[in-house]
Amino acid sequence: QDGSYVMVRGMTAAEAEQHEGYVKDLEDENKSEDDRKNAGHNLLALCIVGDDGSAIFENADDVKNNFDVSTSDFVNILNMINKLSGLGAVREKN
C-alpha cells in the first residue's frame, strides 16, 4: 500500500553463508516450489526488523501468515536484503 514501509537489515557473514548454502541446495531438482518459496520467507523472517532493530517475525510460517504483500513487493524486499548483505553485486556478476 502507498505510504507503507518495512525496515530490513542485512545478513551477517555467517547468515549470508548459511542462506547461500540453502539457496544452492534448492537447485536440486527434487526440491519443490514450496521449498523455494520458503527460502524467501525464511530470509524475510530473519531480516525484517522493528524500530528497535529486533526481528518482528518468529519464523517463515509467521511471515506467510501475517505479511500480506504483493509478489513485486516481496521480491523488492528480498533484493534489498541481498543488496544490504553485499550479495547483489555478486549475483549480478554471475
N, C-alpha and C. Protein backbone atom coordinates (compact mmCIF):
# COMPACT_ATOMS: atom_id res chain seq x y z
N GLN A 1 0.83 -1.18 0.00
CA GLN A 1 0.00 0.00 0.00
C GLN A 1 0.88 1.24 0.00
N ASP A 2 0.38 2.31 -0.57
CA ASP A 2 1.14 3.54 -0.61
C ASP A 2 1.40 4.04 0.80
N GLY A 3 2.63 4.47 1.03
CA GLY A 3 3.00 5.00 2.33
C GLY A 3 3.44 3.95 3.33
N SER A 4 3.29 2.70 3.00
CA SER A 4 3.73 1.63 3.89
C SER A 4 5.21 1.37 3.69
N TYR A 5 5.86 0.92 4.75
CA TYR A 5 7.27 0.60 4.64
C TYR A 5 7.61 -0.51 5.61
N VAL A 6 8.71 -1.17 5.36
CA VAL A 6 9.29 -2.12 6.31
C VAL A 6 10.76 -1.77 6.45
N MET A 7 11.29 -2.04 7.62
CA MET A 7 12.71 -1.86 7.85
C MET A 7 13.37 -3.23 7.75
N VAL A 8 14.49 -3.27 7.06
CA VAL A 8 15.23 -4.52 6.92
C VAL A 8 16.67 -4.30 7.32
N ARG A 9 17.32 -5.38 7.67
CA ARG A 9 18.75 -5.35 7.96
C ARG A 9 19.44 -6.32 7.03
N GLY A 10 20.71 -6.09 6.84
CA GLY A 10 21.50 -7.04 6.07
C GLY A 10 21.83 -8.25 6.91
N MET A 11 22.19 -9.32 6.27
CA MET A 11 22.61 -10.53 6.97
C MET A 11 24.05 -10.40 7.44
N THR A 12 24.37 -11.08 8.53
CA THR A 12 25.76 -11.19 8.94
C THR A 12 26.45 -12.11 7.93
N ALA A 13 27.76 -12.15 7.99
CA ALA A 13 28.51 -13.02 7.08
C ALA A 13 28.10 -14.48 7.27
N ALA A 14 27.93 -14.90 8.51
CA ALA A 14 27.53 -16.29 8.78
C ALA A 14 26.12 -16.57 8.27
N GLU A 15 25.20 -15.62 8.47
CA GLU A 15 23.83 -15.79 7.97
C GLU A 15 23.81 -15.85 6.45
N ALA A 16 24.59 -14.99 5.81
CA ALA A 16 24.64 -14.97 4.35
C ALA A 16 25.19 -16.28 3.81
N GLU A 17 26.22 -16.80 4.46
CA GLU A 17 26.81 -18.07 4.03
C GLU A 17 25.80 -19.20 4.18
N GLN A 18 25.09 -19.22 5.30
CA GLN A 18 24.07 -20.24 5.52
C GLN A 18 22.95 -20.12 4.50
N HIS A 19 22.50 -18.89 4.24
CA HIS A 19 21.43 -18.67 3.27
C HIS A 19 21.86 -19.08 1.87
N GLU A 20 23.05 -18.73 1.47
CA GLU A 20 23.55 -19.10 0.15
C GLU A 20 23.62 -20.62 0.01
N GLY A 21 24.02 -21.31 1.07
CA GLY A 21 24.05 -22.77 1.04
C GLY A 21 22.65 -23.35 0.87
N TYR A 22 21.69 -22.74 1.56
CA TYR A 22 20.30 -23.17 1.46
C TYR A 22 19.78 -22.96 0.05
N VAL A 23 20.08 -21.80 -0.53
CA VAL A 23 19.64 -21.49 -1.89
C VAL A 23 20.29 -22.46 -2.89
N LYS A 24 21.57 -22.72 -2.71
CA LYS A 24 22.26 -23.65 -3.60
C LYS A 24 21.63 -25.04 -3.52
N ASP A 25 21.25 -25.45 -2.31
CA ASP A 25 20.59 -26.74 -2.12
C ASP A 25 19.26 -26.80 -2.87
N LEU A 26 18.63 -25.66 -3.07
CA LEU A 26 17.34 -25.61 -3.76
C LEU A 26 17.46 -25.90 -5.26
N GLU A 27 18.69 -25.88 -5.77
CA GLU A 27 18.89 -26.19 -7.18
C GLU A 27 18.65 -27.67 -7.47
N ASP A 28 18.60 -28.48 -6.41
CA ASP A 28 18.29 -29.91 -6.55
C ASP A 28 16.91 -30.04 -7.18
N GLU A 29 16.83 -30.81 -8.24
CA GLU A 29 15.56 -30.95 -8.98
C GLU A 29 14.46 -31.59 -8.14
N ASN A 30 14.82 -32.25 -7.05
CA ASN A 30 13.82 -32.89 -6.19
C ASN A 30 13.15 -31.90 -5.23
N LYS A 31 13.65 -30.67 -5.17
CA LYS A 31 13.06 -29.67 -4.29
C LYS A 31 11.78 -29.13 -4.91
N SER A 32 10.80 -28.88 -4.08
CA SER A 32 9.51 -28.40 -4.56
C SER A 32 9.49 -26.87 -4.66
N GLU A 33 8.47 -26.37 -5.31
CA GLU A 33 8.27 -24.92 -5.40
C GLU A 33 8.04 -24.34 -4.01
N ASP A 34 7.39 -25.09 -3.14
CA ASP A 34 7.18 -24.63 -1.76
C ASP A 34 8.51 -24.47 -1.03
N ASP A 35 9.45 -25.39 -1.28
CA ASP A 35 10.78 -25.26 -0.67
C ASP A 35 11.45 -23.97 -1.12
N ARG A 36 11.31 -23.65 -2.40
CA ARG A 36 11.93 -22.44 -2.94
C ARG A 36 11.29 -21.18 -2.33
N LYS A 37 9.98 -21.18 -2.23
CA LYS A 37 9.29 -20.03 -1.63
C LYS A 37 9.66 -19.88 -0.17
N ASN A 38 9.85 -21.01 0.51
CA ASN A 38 10.18 -20.97 1.93
C ASN A 38 11.52 -20.28 2.18
N ALA A 39 12.43 -20.37 1.23
CA ALA A 39 13.72 -19.69 1.38
C ALA A 39 13.51 -18.19 1.50
N GLY A 40 12.63 -17.63 0.70
CA GLY A 40 12.34 -16.20 0.77
C GLY A 40 11.65 -15.84 2.07
N HIS A 41 10.72 -16.66 2.50
CA HIS A 41 10.03 -16.39 3.77
C HIS A 41 10.99 -16.46 4.94
N ASN A 42 11.92 -17.42 4.92
CA ASN A 42 12.94 -17.50 5.97
C ASN A 42 13.79 -16.25 6.01
N LEU A 43 14.17 -15.76 4.84
CA LEU A 43 15.01 -14.57 4.78
C LEU A 43 14.26 -13.35 5.31
N LEU A 44 12.99 -13.22 4.97
CA LEU A 44 12.21 -12.10 5.49
C LEU A 44 12.07 -12.20 7.00
N ALA A 45 11.84 -13.40 7.52
CA ALA A 45 11.72 -13.58 8.97
C ALA A 45 13.00 -13.16 9.68
N LEU A 46 14.12 -13.42 9.08
CA LEU A 46 15.41 -13.09 9.66
C LEU A 46 15.71 -11.60 9.61
N CYS A 47 15.34 -10.94 8.52
CA CYS A 47 15.85 -9.60 8.26
C CYS A 47 14.85 -8.46 8.34
N ILE A 48 13.56 -8.71 8.44
CA ILE A 48 12.61 -7.61 8.65
C ILE A 48 12.63 -7.30 10.14
N VAL A 49 12.88 -6.04 10.46
CA VAL A 49 13.05 -5.65 11.86
C VAL A 49 12.13 -4.49 12.22
N GLY A 50 11.90 -4.36 13.51
CA GLY A 50 11.13 -3.24 14.03
C GLY A 50 12.02 -2.03 14.24
N ASP A 51 11.44 -0.98 14.78
CA ASP A 51 12.18 0.26 15.00
C ASP A 51 13.39 0.07 15.91
N ASP A 52 13.32 -0.91 16.81
CA ASP A 52 14.44 -1.15 17.73
C ASP A 52 15.49 -2.10 17.15
N GLY A 53 15.28 -2.57 15.91
CA GLY A 53 16.24 -3.44 15.24
C GLY A 53 16.04 -4.92 15.50
N SER A 54 15.04 -5.27 16.29
CA SER A 54 14.81 -6.69 16.56
C SER A 54 13.83 -7.27 15.55
N ALA A 55 13.97 -8.57 15.31
CA ALA A 55 13.11 -9.26 14.35
C ALA A 55 11.65 -9.16 14.80
N ILE A 56 10.76 -8.97 13.82
CA ILE A 56 9.34 -8.89 14.18
C ILE A 56 8.59 -10.17 13.84
N PHE A 57 9.23 -11.07 13.09
CA PHE A 57 8.63 -12.35 12.77
C PHE A 57 9.42 -13.46 13.44
N GLU A 58 8.72 -14.48 13.89
CA GLU A 58 9.38 -15.59 14.58
C GLU A 58 10.02 -16.57 13.62
N ASN A 59 9.37 -16.79 12.46
CA ASN A 59 9.85 -17.79 11.51
C ASN A 59 9.14 -17.61 10.17
N ALA A 60 9.43 -18.49 9.24
CA ALA A 60 8.85 -18.39 7.89
C ALA A 60 7.33 -18.50 7.93
N ASP A 61 6.80 -19.37 8.77
CA ASP A 61 5.35 -19.51 8.86
C ASP A 61 4.69 -18.23 9.36
N ASP A 62 5.35 -17.55 10.29
CA ASP A 62 4.83 -16.28 10.80
C ASP A 62 4.76 -15.25 9.66
N VAL A 63 5.77 -15.23 8.81
CA VAL A 63 5.77 -14.33 7.66
C VAL A 63 4.62 -14.70 6.72
N LYS A 64 4.49 -15.98 6.40
CA LYS A 64 3.44 -16.43 5.49
C LYS A 64 2.05 -16.04 6.00
N ASN A 65 1.85 -16.16 7.29
CA ASN A 65 0.53 -15.93 7.88
C ASN A 65 0.22 -14.46 8.15
N ASN A 66 1.24 -13.63 8.28
CA ASN A 66 0.99 -12.26 8.77
C ASN A 66 1.58 -11.14 7.91
N PHE A 67 2.25 -11.47 6.82
CA PHE A 67 2.88 -10.44 5.99
C PHE A 67 2.30 -10.54 4.58
N ASP A 68 1.22 -9.82 4.36
CA ASP A 68 0.47 -9.90 3.12
C ASP A 68 0.91 -8.76 2.19
N VAL A 69 1.82 -9.08 1.27
CA VAL A 69 2.30 -8.10 0.30
C VAL A 69 2.23 -8.69 -1.10
N SER A 70 2.29 -7.82 -2.08
CA SER A 70 2.29 -8.29 -3.46
C SER A 70 3.58 -9.04 -3.77
N THR A 71 3.55 -9.82 -4.82
CA THR A 71 4.75 -10.54 -5.25
C THR A 71 5.86 -9.56 -5.57
N SER A 72 5.52 -8.46 -6.21
CA SER A 72 6.51 -7.44 -6.56
C SER A 72 7.18 -6.87 -5.31
N ASP A 73 6.39 -6.54 -4.31
CA ASP A 73 6.96 -6.01 -3.06
C ASP A 73 7.81 -7.06 -2.37
N PHE A 74 7.34 -8.31 -2.37
CA PHE A 74 8.09 -9.42 -1.76
C PHE A 74 9.48 -9.52 -2.38
N VAL A 75 9.52 -9.52 -3.71
CA VAL A 75 10.79 -9.63 -4.43
C VAL A 75 11.66 -8.40 -4.18
N ASN A 76 11.07 -7.22 -4.18
CA ASN A 76 11.84 -6.00 -3.93
C ASN A 76 12.47 -6.01 -2.55
N ILE A 77 11.75 -6.51 -1.55
CA ILE A 77 12.31 -6.59 -0.20
C ILE A 77 13.45 -7.59 -0.15
N LEU A 78 13.28 -8.74 -0.79
CA LEU A 78 14.37 -9.72 -0.85
C LEU A 78 15.60 -9.13 -1.53
N ASN A 79 15.40 -8.40 -2.61
CA ASN A 79 16.52 -7.78 -3.32
C ASN A 79 17.23 -6.76 -2.44
N MET A 80 16.47 -6.00 -1.66
CA MET A 80 17.09 -5.02 -0.77
C MET A 80 17.92 -5.71 0.31
N ILE A 81 17.41 -6.79 0.86
CA ILE A 81 18.16 -7.55 1.86
C ILE A 81 19.46 -8.07 1.25
N ASN A 82 19.39 -8.62 0.04
CA ASN A 82 20.60 -9.11 -0.62
C ASN A 82 21.58 -7.98 -0.87
N LYS A 83 21.08 -6.83 -1.28
CA LYS A 83 21.95 -5.68 -1.53
C LYS A 83 22.62 -5.22 -0.23
N LEU A 84 21.85 -5.09 0.84
CA LEU A 84 22.41 -4.68 2.13
C LEU A 84 23.42 -5.69 2.65
N SER A 85 23.25 -6.93 2.24
CA SER A 85 24.14 -8.01 2.70
C SER A 85 25.36 -8.17 1.81
N GLY A 86 25.44 -7.36 0.76
CA GLY A 86 26.58 -7.43 -0.15
C GLY A 86 26.46 -8.55 -1.16
N LEU A 87 25.27 -9.10 -1.34
CA LEU A 87 25.10 -10.21 -2.26
C LEU A 87 24.63 -9.78 -3.63
N GLY A 88 24.08 -8.58 -3.76
CA GLY A 88 23.56 -8.13 -5.04
C GLY A 88 24.62 -8.06 -6.12
N ALA A 89 25.77 -7.48 -5.80
CA ALA A 89 26.84 -7.34 -6.79
C ALA A 89 27.37 -8.70 -7.21
N VAL A 90 27.46 -9.61 -6.27
CA VAL A 90 27.97 -10.95 -6.57
C VAL A 90 27.02 -11.64 -7.53
N ARG A 91 25.74 -11.55 -7.29
CA ARG A 91 24.76 -12.20 -8.14
C ARG A 91 24.75 -11.59 -9.54
N GLU A 92 24.95 -10.28 -9.63
CA GLU A 92 24.92 -9.63 -10.94
C GLU A 92 26.10 -10.07 -11.79
N LYS A 93 27.23 -10.39 -11.16
CA LYS A 93 28.42 -10.79 -11.91
C LYS A 93 28.31 -12.22 -12.42
N ASN A 94 27.53 -13.05 -11.74
CA ASN A 94 27.45 -14.47 -12.12
C ASN A 94 26.58 -14.70 -13.28
